[in-house]
PDB file of N, CA and C in Angstrom:
ATOM      1  N   UNK A   1      -8.676   6.840  -2.424  1.00  0.00           N
ATOM      2  CA  UNK A   1      -8.689   6.630  -1.038  1.00  0.00           C
ATOM      3  C   UNK A   1      -9.680   5.861  -0.666  1.00  0.00           C
ATOM      4  N   UNK A   2      -8.875   4.938   0.220  1.00  0.00           N
ATOM      5  CA  UNK A   2      -9.899   4.050   1.101  1.00  0.00           C
ATOM      6  C   UNK A   2      -9.607   4.202   2.692  1.00  0.00           C
ATOM      7  N   UNK A   3     -10.701   4.442   2.908  1.00  0.00           N
ATOM      8  CA  UNK A   3     -10.990   4.656   4.569  1.00  0.00           C
ATOM      9  C   UNK A   3     -11.713   3.309   5.164  1.00  0.00           C
ATOM     10  N   UNK A   4     -10.769   2.885   6.100  1.00  0.00           N
ATOM     11  CA  UNK A   4     -11.293   2.108   6.898  1.00  0.00           C
ATOM     12  C   UNK A   4     -11.909   2.447   8.480  1.00  0.00           C
ATOM     13  N   UNK A   5     -12.991   1.967   8.552  1.00  0.00           N
ATOM     14  CA  UNK A   5     -13.644   2.173  10.108  1.00  0.00           C
ATOM     15  C   UNK A   5     -13.533   0.926  11.150  1.00  0.00           C
ATOM     16  N   UNK A   6     -12.494   0.964  11.819  1.00  0.00           N
ATOM     17  CA  UNK A   6     -12.588  -0.201  12.815  1.00  0.00           C
ATOM     18  C   UNK A   6     -13.782  -0.295  13.531  1.00  0.00           C
ATOM     19  N   UNK A   7     -13.775  -1.515  14.253  1.00  0.00           N
ATOM     20  CA  UNK A   7     -14.841  -1.720  15.027  1.00  0.00           C
ATOM     21  C   UNK A   7     -15.092  -0.693  16.489  1.00  0.00           C
ATOM     22  N   UNK A   8     -13.773  -0.241  16.941  1.00  0.00           N
ATOM     23  CA  UNK A   8     -13.953   0.872  17.843  1.00  0.00           C
ATOM     24  C   UNK A   8     -14.412   2.179  17.535  1.00  0.00           C
ATOM     25  N   UNK A   9     -14.801   2.265  16.048  1.00  0.00           N
ATOM     26  CA  UNK A   9     -15.203   3.391  15.856  1.00  0.00           C
ATOM     27  C   UNK A   9     -13.882   4.697  15.127  1.00  0.00           C
ATOM     28  N   UNK A  10     -12.685   3.901  15.519  1.00  0.00           N
ATOM     29  CA  UNK A  10     -11.781   4.655  14.714  1.00  0.00           C
ATOM     30  C   UNK A  10     -11.551   4.877  13.337  1.00  0.00           C
ATOM     31  N   UNK A  11     -10.754   5.252  12.554  1.00  0.00           N
ATOM     32  CA  UNK A  11     -10.858   5.145  11.155  1.00  0.00           C
ATOM     33  C   UNK A  11      -9.388   5.606  10.360  1.00  0.00           C
ATOM     34  N   UNK A  12      -9.045   4.921   9.536  1.00  0.00           N
ATOM     35  CA  UNK A  12      -7.821   4.988   8.982  1.00  0.00           C
ATOM     36  C   UNK A  12      -7.890   5.463   7.397  1.00  0.00           C
ATOM     37  N   UNK A  13      -7.409   6.396   6.908  1.00  0.00           N
ATOM     38  CA  UNK A  13      -7.832   6.558   5.480  1.00  0.00           C
ATOM     39  C   UNK A  13      -6.491   6.484   4.839  1.00  0.00           C
ATOM     40  N   UNK A  14      -5.998   5.617   3.768  1.00  0.00           N
ATOM     41  CA  UNK A  14      -4.983   5.324   3.003  1.00  0.00           C
ATOM     42  C   UNK A  14      -5.466   5.872   1.335  1.00  0.00           C
ATOM     43  N   UNK A  15      -4.313   6.687   0.767  1.00  0.00           N
ATOM     44  CA  UNK A  15      -4.510   7.021  -0.377  1.00  0.00           C
ATOM     45  C   UNK A  15      -3.870   5.824  -1.612  1.00  0.00           C
ATOM     46  N   UNK A  16      -4.873   5.676  -2.039  1.00  0.00           N
ATOM     47  CA  UNK A  16      -4.297   4.739  -3.688  1.00  0.00           C
ATOM     48  C   UNK A  16      -3.091   4.231  -3.509  1.00  0.00           C
ATOM     49  N   UNK A  17      -2.183   5.617  -4.199  1.00  0.00           N
ATOM     50  CA  UNK A  17      -0.798   5.455  -3.873  1.00  0.00           C
ATOM     51  C   UNK A  17      -0.114   4.865  -2.937  1.00  0.00           C
ATOM     52  N   UNK A  18      -0.359   5.279  -1.643  1.00  0.00           N
ATOM     53  CA  UNK A  18       0.619   4.523  -0.549  1.00  0.00           C
ATOM     54  C   UNK A  18       0.005   2.895  -0.765  1.00  0.00           C
ATOM     55  N   UNK A  19      -1.172   3.035  -0.786  1.00  0.00           N
ATOM     56  CA  UNK A  19      -1.474   1.319  -0.662  1.00  0.00           C
ATOM     57  C   UNK A  19      -0.762   0.777  -1.564  1.00  0.00           C
ATOM     58  N   UNK A  20      -0.802   1.325  -2.851  1.00  0.00           N
ATOM     59  CA  UNK A  20      -0.261   0.521  -4.231  1.00  0.00           C
ATOM     60  C   UNK A  20       1.372   0.576  -3.735  1.00  0.00           C
ATOM     61  N   UNK A  21       2.171   1.282  -3.404  1.00  0.00           N
ATOM     62  CA  UNK A  21       3.582   1.237  -3.584  1.00  0.00           C
ATOM     63  C   UNK A  21       4.288   0.532  -1.870  1.00  0.00           C
ATOM     64  N   UNK A  22       3.225   0.618  -0.845  1.00  0.00           N
ATOM     65  CA  UNK A  22       3.483  -0.444   0.023  1.00  0.00           C
ATOM     66  C   UNK A  22       2.533  -1.648   0.172  1.00  0.00           C
ATOM     67  N   UNK A  23       2.510  -2.257  -0.879  1.00  0.00           N
ATOM     68  CA  UNK A  23       1.553  -3.124  -1.092  1.00  0.00           C
ATOM     69  C   UNK A  23       2.239  -4.554  -0.430  1.00  0.00           C
ATOM     70  N   UNK A  24       1.844  -5.529  -0.023  1.00  0.00           N
ATOM     71  CA  UNK A  24       2.319  -6.686   0.768  1.00  0.00           C
ATOM     72  C   UNK A  24       2.668  -7.729  -0.296  1.00  0.00           C
ATOM     73  N   UNK A  25       2.332  -7.128  -1.396  1.00  0.00           N
ATOM     74  CA  UNK A  25       3.339  -8.506  -2.639  1.00  0.00           C
ATOM     75  C   UNK A  25       4.133  -8.837  -2.747  1.00  0.00           C
ATOM     76  N   UNK A  26       4.646 -10.048  -3.421  1.00  0.00           N
ATOM     77  CA  UNK A  26       5.517 -10.154  -3.366  1.00  0.00           C
ATOM     78  C   UNK A  26       6.245  -9.667  -4.651  1.00  0.00           C
ATOM     79  N   UNK A  27       5.796  -8.988  -5.247  1.00  0.00           N
ATOM     80  CA  UNK A  27       6.518  -8.077  -6.091  1.00  0.00           C
ATOM     81  C   UNK A  27       6.930  -6.992  -5.949  1.00  0.00           C
ATOM     82  N   UNK A  28       5.979  -6.596  -4.729  1.00  0.00           N
ATOM     83  CA  UNK A  28       6.621  -5.408  -4.081  1.00  0.00           C
ATOM     84  C   UNK A  28       7.523  -5.363  -2.536  1.00  0.00           C
ATOM     85  N   UNK A  29       7.230  -6.530  -2.242  1.00  0.00           N
ATOM     86  CA  UNK A  29       8.193  -6.606  -0.721  1.00  0.00           C
ATOM     87  C   UNK A  29       9.426  -7.988  -1.259  1.00  0.00           C
ATOM     88  N   UNK A  30       8.936  -8.517  -2.351  1.00  0.00           N
ATOM     89  CA  UNK A  30       9.933  -9.617  -2.570  1.00  0.00           C
ATOM     90  C   UNK A  30      10.118 -10.585  -1.505  1.00  0.00           C
ATOM     91  N   UNK A  31      10.718 -11.487  -1.493  1.00  0.00           N
ATOM     92  CA  UNK A  31      11.133 -12.928  -0.817  1.00  0.00           C
ATOM     93  C   UNK A  31      11.932 -12.341   0.268  1.00  0.00           C
ATOM     94  N   UNK A  32      12.770 -11.216   0.199  1.00  0.00           N
ATOM     95  CA  UNK A  32      13.654 -10.764   1.161  1.00  0.00           C
ATOM     96  C   UNK A  32      13.717  -9.626   1.284  1.00  0.00           C
ATOM     97  N   UNK A  33      14.625  -8.711   2.175  1.00  0.00           N
ATOM     98  CA  UNK A  33      14.602  -7.065   2.178  1.00  0.00           C
ATOM     99  C   UNK A  33      15.704  -7.124   0.622  1.00  0.00           C
ATOM    100  N   UNK A  34      16.577  -7.735   0.152  1.00  0.00           N
ATOM    101  CA  UNK A  34      17.111  -7.471  -0.767  1.00  0.00           C
ATOM    102  C   UNK A  34      16.525  -7.458  -2.116  1.00  0.00           C
ATOM    103  N   UNK A  35      15.195  -8.463  -1.829  1.00  0.00           N
ATOM    104  CA  UNK A  35      14.417  -8.301  -2.927  1.00  0.00           C
ATOM    105  C   UNK A  35      13.504  -7.141  -3.127  1.00  0.00           C
ATOM    106  N   UNK A  36      13.153  -6.410  -2.217  1.00  0.00           N
ATOM    107  CA  UNK A  36      12.605  -5.385  -1.912  1.00  0.00           C
ATOM    108  C   UNK A  36      12.694  -4.437  -2.986  1.00  0.00           C
ATOM    109  N   UNK A  37      11.315  -3.829  -3.627  1.00  0.00           N
ATOM    110  CA  UNK A  37      11.581  -3.020  -4.917  1.00  0.00           C
ATOM    111  C   UNK A  37      10.972  -1.638  -4.546  1.00  0.00           C
ATOM    112  N   UNK A  38      11.844  -0.916  -4.908  1.00  0.00           N
ATOM    113  CA  UNK A  38      10.815   0.687  -4.975  1.00  0.00           C
ATOM    114  C   UNK A  38       9.872   1.097  -5.959  1.00  0.00           C
ATOM    115  N   UNK A  39       8.433   1.023  -5.768  1.00  0.00           N
ATOM    116  CA  UNK A  39       7.600   1.367  -6.872  1.00  0.00           C
ATOM    117  C   UNK A  39       7.438   2.855  -6.910  1.00  0.00           C
ATOM    118  N   UNK A  40       7.268   3.263  -8.322  1.00  0.00           N
ATOM    119  CA  UNK A  40       7.649   5.028  -8.394  1.00  0.00           C
ATOM    120  C   UNK A  40       6.538   5.242  -9.394  1.00  0.00           C
ATOM    121  N   UNK A  41       6.319   6.648  -9.980  1.00  0.00           N
ATOM    122  CA  UNK A  41       5.787   6.593 -10.748  1.00  0.00           C
ATOM    123  C   UNK A  41       4.210   6.697 -10.655  1.00  0.00           C
ATOM    124  N   UNK A  42       3.656   6.437  -9.452  1.00  0.00           N
ATOM    125  CA  UNK A  42       2.027   6.261  -8.966  1.00  0.00           C
ATOM    126  C   UNK A  42       1.310   7.035  -8.434  1.00  0.00           C
ATOM    127  N   UNK A  43       1.738   8.341  -8.598  1.00  0.00           N
ATOM    128  CA  UNK A  43       0.837   9.288  -8.023  1.00  0.00           C
ATOM    129  C   UNK A  43      -0.561   9.719  -8.257  1.00  0.00           C
ATOM    130  N   UNK A  44      -0.433   9.133  -9.169  1.00  0.00           N
ATOM    131  CA  UNK A  44      -2.015   9.350  -9.713  1.00  0.00           C
ATOM    132  C   UNK A  44      -2.861   7.988  -9.841  1.00  0.00           C
ATOM    133  N   UNK A  45      -2.250   7.031  -9.401  1.00  0.00           N
ATOM    134  CA  UNK A  45      -3.123   5.300  -9.370  1.00  0.00           C
ATOM    135  C   UNK A  45      -4.515   5.482  -8.522  1.00  0.00           C
ATOM    136  N   UNK A  46      -5.390   5.016  -9.382  1.00  0.00           N
ATOM    137  CA  UNK A  46      -6.461   4.724  -8.726  1.00  0.00           C
ATOM    138  C   UNK A  46      -6.809   3.093  -8.335  1.00  0.00           C
ATOM    139  N   UNK A  47      -7.926   3.211  -7.066  1.00  0.00           N
ATOM    140  CA  UNK A  47      -8.041   1.470  -7.048  1.00  0.00           C
ATOM    141  C   UNK A  47      -9.222   1.482  -7.846  1.00  0.00           C
ATOM    142  N   UNK A  48      -9.441  -0.357  -8.555  1.00  0.00           N
ATOM    143  CA  UNK A  48     -10.263  -0.222  -9.477  1.00  0.00           C
ATOM    144  C   UNK A  48     -11.305  -0.902  -8.612  1.00  0.00           C
ATOM    145  N   UNK A  49     -10.939  -1.789  -7.949  1.00  0.00           N
ATOM    146  CA  UNK A  49     -11.567  -2.718  -7.609  1.00  0.00           C
ATOM    147  C   UNK A  49     -11.613  -3.180  -5.736  1.00  0.00           C
ATOM    148  N   UNK A  50     -12.421  -3.348  -4.919  1.00  0.00           N
ATOM    149  CA  UNK A  50     -11.567  -4.162  -3.573  1.00  0.00           C
ATOM    150  C   UNK A  50     -12.720  -5.533  -3.384  1.00  0.00           C
ATOM    151  N   UNK A  51     -11.854  -6.472  -3.246  1.00  0.00           N
ATOM    152  CA  UNK A  51     -12.261  -7.613  -2.918  1.00  0.00           C
ATOM    153  C   UNK A  51     -12.416  -8.449  -1.822  1.00  0.00           C
ATOM    154  N   UNK A  52     -13.458  -8.748  -1.140  1.00  0.00           N
ATOM    155  CA  UNK A  52     -12.958  -9.361   0.576  1.00  0.00           C
ATOM    156  C   UNK A  52     -12.360 -11.214   0.197  1.00  0.00           C
ATOM    157  N   UNK A  53     -11.503 -11.020   1.185  1.00  0.00           N
ATOM    158  CA  UNK A  53     -10.417 -12.409   0.902  1.00  0.00           C
ATOM    159  C   UNK A  53     -11.241 -13.081   2.367  1.00  0.00           C
ATOM    160  N   UNK A  54     -12.287 -13.870   2.704  1.00  0.00           N
ATOM    161  CA  UNK A  54     -12.548 -14.418   3.672  1.00  0.00           C
ATOM    162  C   UNK A  54     -13.197 -13.344   4.881  1.00  0.00           C
ATOM    163  N   UNK A  55     -12.568 -13.522   6.119  1.00  0.00           N
ATOM    164  CA  UNK A  55     -13.030 -12.576   6.964  1.00  0.00           C
ATOM    165  C   UNK A  55     -11.666 -11.824   7.372  1.00  0.00           C
ATOM    166  N   UNK A  56     -10.522 -11.795   6.941  1.00  0.00           N
ATOM    167  CA  UNK A  56      -8.965 -11.748   7.648  1.00  0.00           C
ATOM    168  C   UNK A  56      -8.576 -10.533   6.442  1.00  0.00           C
ATOM    169  N   UNK A  57      -8.946 -10.521   5.194  1.00  0.00           N
ATOM    170  CA  UNK A  57      -8.080  -9.194   3.999  1.00  0.00           C
ATOM    171  C   UNK A  57      -9.043  -9.005   3.033  1.00  0.00           C
ATOM    172  N   UNK A  58      -8.549  -7.979   2.245  1.00  0.00           N
ATOM    173  CA  UNK A  58      -9.114  -8.060   1.080  1.00  0.00           C
ATOM    174  C   UNK A  58      -8.137  -7.453   0.162  1.00  0.00           C
ATOM    175  N   UNK A  59      -8.573  -8.068  -1.072  1.00  0.00           N
ATOM    176  CA  UNK A  59      -7.275  -7.957  -2.213  1.00  0.00           C
ATOM    177  C   UNK A  59      -7.811  -6.419  -2.968  1.00  0.00           C
ATOM    178  N   UNK A  60      -6.971  -5.523  -3.413  1.00  0.00           N
ATOM    179  CA  UNK A  60      -7.272  -4.104  -4.355  1.00  0.00           C
ATOM    180  C   UNK A  60      -6.500  -4.348  -5.693  1.00  0.00           C
ATOM    181  N   UNK A  61      -7.378  -4.035  -6.636  1.00  0.00           N
ATOM    182  CA  UNK A  61      -7.059  -4.363  -7.522  1.00  0.00           C
ATOM    183  C   UNK A  61      -6.984  -2.892  -7.861  1.00  0.00           C
ATOM    184  N   UNK A  62      -5.701  -2.587  -8.459  1.00  0.00           N
ATOM    185  CA  UNK A  62      -5.271  -0.969  -8.730  1.00  0.00           C
ATOM    186  C   UNK A  62      -5.131  -0.490 -10.274  1.00  0.00           C
ATOM    187  N   UNK A  63      -5.811   0.505 -10.649  1.00  0.00           N
ATOM    188  CA  UNK A  63      -5.954   0.657 -12.211  1.00  0.00           C
ATOM    189  C   UNK A  63      -4.647   0.351 -13.113  1.00  0.00           C
ATOM    190  N   UNK A  64      -3.445  -0.100 -12.661  1.00  0.00           N
ATOM    191  CA  UNK A  64      -2.395  -0.437 -13.502  1.00  0.00           C
ATOM    192  C   UNK A  64      -2.486  -2.078 -13.517  1.00  0.00           C
ATOM    193  N   UNK A  65      -3.498  -2.454 -12.650  1.00  0.00           N
ATOM    194  CA  UNK A  65      -3.678  -4.118 -12.849  1.00  0.00           C
ATOM    195  C   UNK A  65      -2.975  -4.745 -11.923  1.00  0.00           C
ATOM    196  N   UNK A  66      -2.444  -4.078 -10.880  1.00  0.00           N
ATOM    197  CA  UNK A  66      -1.737  -5.010  -9.880  1.00  0.00           C
ATOM    198  C   UNK A  66      -2.772  -5.163  -8.798  1.00  0.00           C
ATOM    199  N   UNK A  67      -2.531  -6.567  -8.518  1.00  0.00           N
ATOM    200  CA  UNK A  67      -3.624  -7.084  -7.678  1.00  0.00           C
ATOM    201  C   UNK A  67      -3.108  -8.226  -6.902  1.00  0.00           C
ATOM    202  N   UNK A  68      -1.878  -8.414  -6.596  1.00  0.00           N
ATOM    203  CA  UNK A  68      -1.368  -9.714  -5.910  1.00  0.00           C
ATOM    204  C   UNK A  68      -1.307  -9.278  -4.462  1.00  0.00           C
ATOM    205  N   UNK A  69      -1.313  -8.308  -4.234  1.00  0.00           N
ATOM    206  CA  UNK A  69      -1.344  -8.129  -2.344  1.00  0.00           C
ATOM    207  C   UNK A  69      -2.547  -8.500  -1.838  1.00  0.00           C
ATOM    208  N   UNK A  70      -2.165  -9.338  -0.714  1.00  0.00           N
ATOM    209  CA  UNK A  70      -3.760  -9.315  -0.031  1.00  0.00           C
ATOM    210  C   UNK A  70      -3.389  -8.591   1.244  1.00  0.00           C
ATOM    211  N   UNK A  71      -4.159  -7.554   0.974  1.00  0.00           N
ATOM    212  CA  UNK A  71      -4.189  -6.554   2.596  1.00  0.00           C
ATOM    213  C   UNK A  71      -4.788  -7.123   3.672  1.00  0.00           C
ATOM    214  N   UNK A  72      -4.528  -7.684   4.850  1.00  0.00           N
ATOM    215  CA  UNK A  72      -4.889  -8.278   5.730  1.00  0.00           C
ATOM    216  C   UNK A  72      -5.237  -7.204   6.861  1.00  0.00           C
ATOM    217  N   UNK A  73      -6.454  -7.488   7.609  1.00  0.00           N
ATOM    218  CA  UNK A  73      -6.911  -6.193   8.556  1.00  0.00           C
ATOM    219  C   UNK A  73      -5.428  -5.969   9.296  1.00  0.00           C
ATOM    220  N   UNK A  74      -4.843  -6.911   9.895  1.00  0.00           N
ATOM    221  CA  UNK A  74      -3.551  -6.849  10.218  1.00  0.00           C
ATOM    222  C   UNK A  74      -2.436  -5.894  10.088  1.00  0.00           C
ATOM    223  N   UNK A  75      -2.419  -6.237   8.874  1.00  0.00           N
ATOM    224  CA  UNK A  75      -1.525  -5.251   7.673  1.00  0.00           C
ATOM    225  C   UNK A  75      -2.455  -3.714   8.118  1.00  0.00           C
ATOM    226  N   UNK A  76      -3.249  -3.676   7.318  1.00  0.00           N
ATOM    227  CA  UNK A  76      -3.769  -2.624   7.452  1.00  0.00           C
ATOM    228  C   UNK A  76      -3.580  -1.628   8.750  1.00  0.00           C
ATOM    229  N   UNK A  77      -3.943  -2.291   9.777  1.00  0.00           N
ATOM    230  CA  UNK A  77      -4.128  -1.577  11.304  1.00  0.00           C
ATOM    231  C   UNK A  77      -2.824  -1.102  11.625  1.00  0.00           C
ATOM    232  N   UNK A  78      -1.663  -1.974  11.049  1.00  0.00           N
ATOM    233  CA  UNK A  78      -0.102  -1.636  11.197  1.00  0.00           C
ATOM    234  C   UNK A  78       0.209  -0.545  10.516  1.00  0.00           C
ATOM    235  N   UNK A  79      -0.385  -0.378   9.268  1.00  0.00           N
ATOM    236  CA  UNK A  79      -0.602   0.744   8.483  1.00  0.00           C
ATOM    237  C   UNK A  79      -1.235   1.790   8.791  1.00  0.00           C
ATOM    238  N   UNK A  80      -2.108   1.788   9.109  1.00  0.00           N
ATOM    239  CA  UNK A  80      -2.765   2.916  10.086  1.00  0.00           C
ATOM    240  C   UNK A  80      -1.766   3.437  11.246  1.00  0.00           C
ATOM    241  N   UNK A  81      -1.108   2.435  11.789  1.00  0.00           N
ATOM    242  CA  UNK A  81      -0.535   3.049  13.377  1.00  0.00           C
ATOM    243  C   UNK A  81       1.040   3.217  12.865  1.00  0.00           C
ATOM    244  N   UNK A  82       1.520   3.430  11.741  1.00  0.00           N
ATOM    245  CA  UNK A  82       2.731   3.554  11.280  1.00  0.00           C
ATOM    246  C   UNK A  82       2.792   4.392   9.599  1.00  0.00           C
ATOM    247  N   UNK A  83       1.498   5.009   9.586  1.00  0.00           N
ATOM    248  CA  UNK A  83       1.636   6.086   8.903  1.00  0.00           C
ATOM    249  C   UNK A  83       2.805   6.917   8.047  1.00  0.00           C
ATOM    250  N   UNK A  84       2.524   7.658   8.810  1.00  0.00           N
ATOM    251  CA  UNK A  84       3.304   8.751   8.903  1.00  0.00           C
ATOM    252  C   UNK A  84       4.817   8.528   8.439  1.00  0.00           C
ATOM    253  N   UNK A  85       5.278   7.303   9.020  1.00  0.00           N
ATOM    254  CA  UNK A  85       6.846   6.857   9.820  1.00  0.00           C
ATOM    255  C   UNK A  85       6.760   6.165   8.090  1.00  0.00           C
ATOM    256  N   UNK A  86       6.008   5.379   7.867  1.00  0.00           N
ATOM    257  CA  UNK A  86       6.238   4.359   6.822  1.00  0.00           C
ATOM    258  C   UNK A  86       6.341   5.587   5.582  1.00  0.00           C
ATOM    259  N   UNK A  87       5.520   6.159   5.324  1.00  0.00           N
ATOM    260  CA  UNK A  87       5.325   7.430   4.042  1.00  0.00           C
ATOM    261  C   UNK A  87       6.719   8.086   4.084  1.00  0.00           C
ATOM    262  N   UNK A  88       7.050   8.646   5.178  1.00  0.00           N
ATOM    263  CA  UNK A  88       8.403   9.126   5.239  1.00  0.00           C
ATOM    264  C   UNK A  88       9.340   8.865   4.911  1.00  0.00           C
ATOM    265  N   UNK A  89       9.317   7.127   5.145  1.00  0.00           N
ATOM    266  CA  UNK A  89      10.292   6.348   4.280  1.00  0.00           C
ATOM    267  C   UNK A  89      10.429   6.206   3.146  1.00  0.00           C
ATOM    268  N   UNK A  90       9.375   5.963   2.706  1.00  0.00           N
ATOM    269  CA  UNK A  90       9.150   5.778   0.998  1.00  0.00           C
ATOM    270  C   UNK A  90       9.653   7.063   0.220  1.00  0.00           C
ATOM    271  N   UNK A  91       8.934   8.066   0.948  1.00  0.00           N
ATOM    272  CA  UNK A  91       9.392   9.622   0.148  1.00  0.00           C
ATOM    273  C   UNK A  91      11.235   9.677   0.384  1.00  0.00           C
ATOM    274  N   UNK A  92      11.807   9.148   1.677  1.00  0.00           N
ATOM    275  CA  UNK A  92      13.672   9.269   1.719  1.00  0.00           C
ATOM    276  C   UNK A  92      13.576   8.576   0.186  1.00  0.00           C
ATOM    277  N   UNK A  93      13.148   6.993   0.498  1.00  0.00           N
ATOM    278  CA  UNK A  93      13.962   5.860  -0.436  1.00  0.00           C
ATOM    279  C   UNK A  93      13.681   6.334  -1.779  1.00  0.00           C
ATOM    280  N   UNK A  94      12.777   7.280  -2.154  1.00  0.00           N
ATOM    281  CA  UNK A  94      12.306   7.679  -3.354  1.00  0.00           C
ATOM    282  C   UNK A  94      13.869   8.786  -3.664  1.00  0.00           C
ATOM    283  N   UNK A  95      13.919   9.473  -2.998  1.00  0.00           N
ATOM    284  CA  UNK A  95      14.749  10.957  -3.316  1.00  0.00           C
ATOM    285  C   UNK A  95      16.408   9.811  -3.197  1.00  0.00           C
ATOM    286  N   UNK A  96      16.594   8.840  -2.685  1.00  0.00           N
ATOM    287  CA  UNK A  96      17.950   8.380  -2.576  1.00  0.00           C
ATOM    288  C   UNK A  96      18.221   7.658  -3.672  1.00  0.00           C
ATOM    289  N   UNK A  97      17.142   7.299  -4.525  1.00  0.00           N
ATOM    290  CA  UNK A  97      17.106   6.354  -5.501  1.00  0.00           C
ATOM    291  C   UNK A  97      17.027   7.214  -6.959  1.00  0.00           C
ATOM    292  N   UNK A  98      16.934   8.377  -6.677  1.00  0.00           N
ATOM    293  CA  UNK A  98      16.660   9.475  -7.656  1.00  0.00           C
ATOM    294  C   UNK A  98      15.162   9.081  -8.298  1.00  0.00           C
ATOM    295  N   UNK A  99      13.876   8.905  -8.022  1.00  0.00           N
ATOM    296  CA  UNK A  99      12.806   8.466  -8.745  1.00  0.00           C
ATOM    297  C   UNK A  99      12.096   9.005  -7.946  1.00  0.00           C
ATOM    298  N   UNK A 100      10.836   9.388  -8.419  1.00  0.00           N
ATOM    299  CA  UNK A 100       9.639  10.552  -8.508  1.00  0.00           C
ATOM    300  C   UNK A 100       8.361   9.816  -8.296  1.00  0.00           C
ATOM    301  N   UNK A 101       7.564  10.095  -7.596  1.00  0.00           N
ATOM    302  CA  UNK A 101       6.278   9.946  -7.132  1.00  0.00           C
ATOM    303  C   UNK A 101       5.400  10.208  -8.672  1.00  0.00           C
ATOM    304  N   UNK A 102       6.130  10.992  -9.521  1.00  0.00           N
ATOM    305  CA  UNK A 102       5.074  11.194 -10.724  1.00  0.00           C
ATOM    306  C   UNK A 102       5.599  10.258 -11.598  1.00  0.00           C
ATOM    307  N   UNK A 103       4.664   9.802 -12.848  1.00  0.00           N
ATOM    308  CA  UNK A 103       4.811   9.276 -13.859  1.00  0.00           C
ATOM    309  C   UNK A 103       5.561   9.473 -15.120  1.00  0.00           C
TER     310      UNK A 103
END
């Protein structure tokens, strides 16, 4: 779980699984909507490390070695605002593709 406490005191909590499957990396997002991948089997993923990238982002290193997504503060804020809708969209996508959260 990653908890972000914003300057105004608001908090967003993200599971490692959510961050991994919604990573802003090219591996997940692709270079176009057609390239976007649905990542499955990450229900038990953990965060190994979090590294600051200047003042604008963090690099999250996951236990499976994925570390190429830079999570900007603006992306994390957007993800916090849209958390429920994005998570439901992910679950719907898994179901439509016959994929599972379990590895």
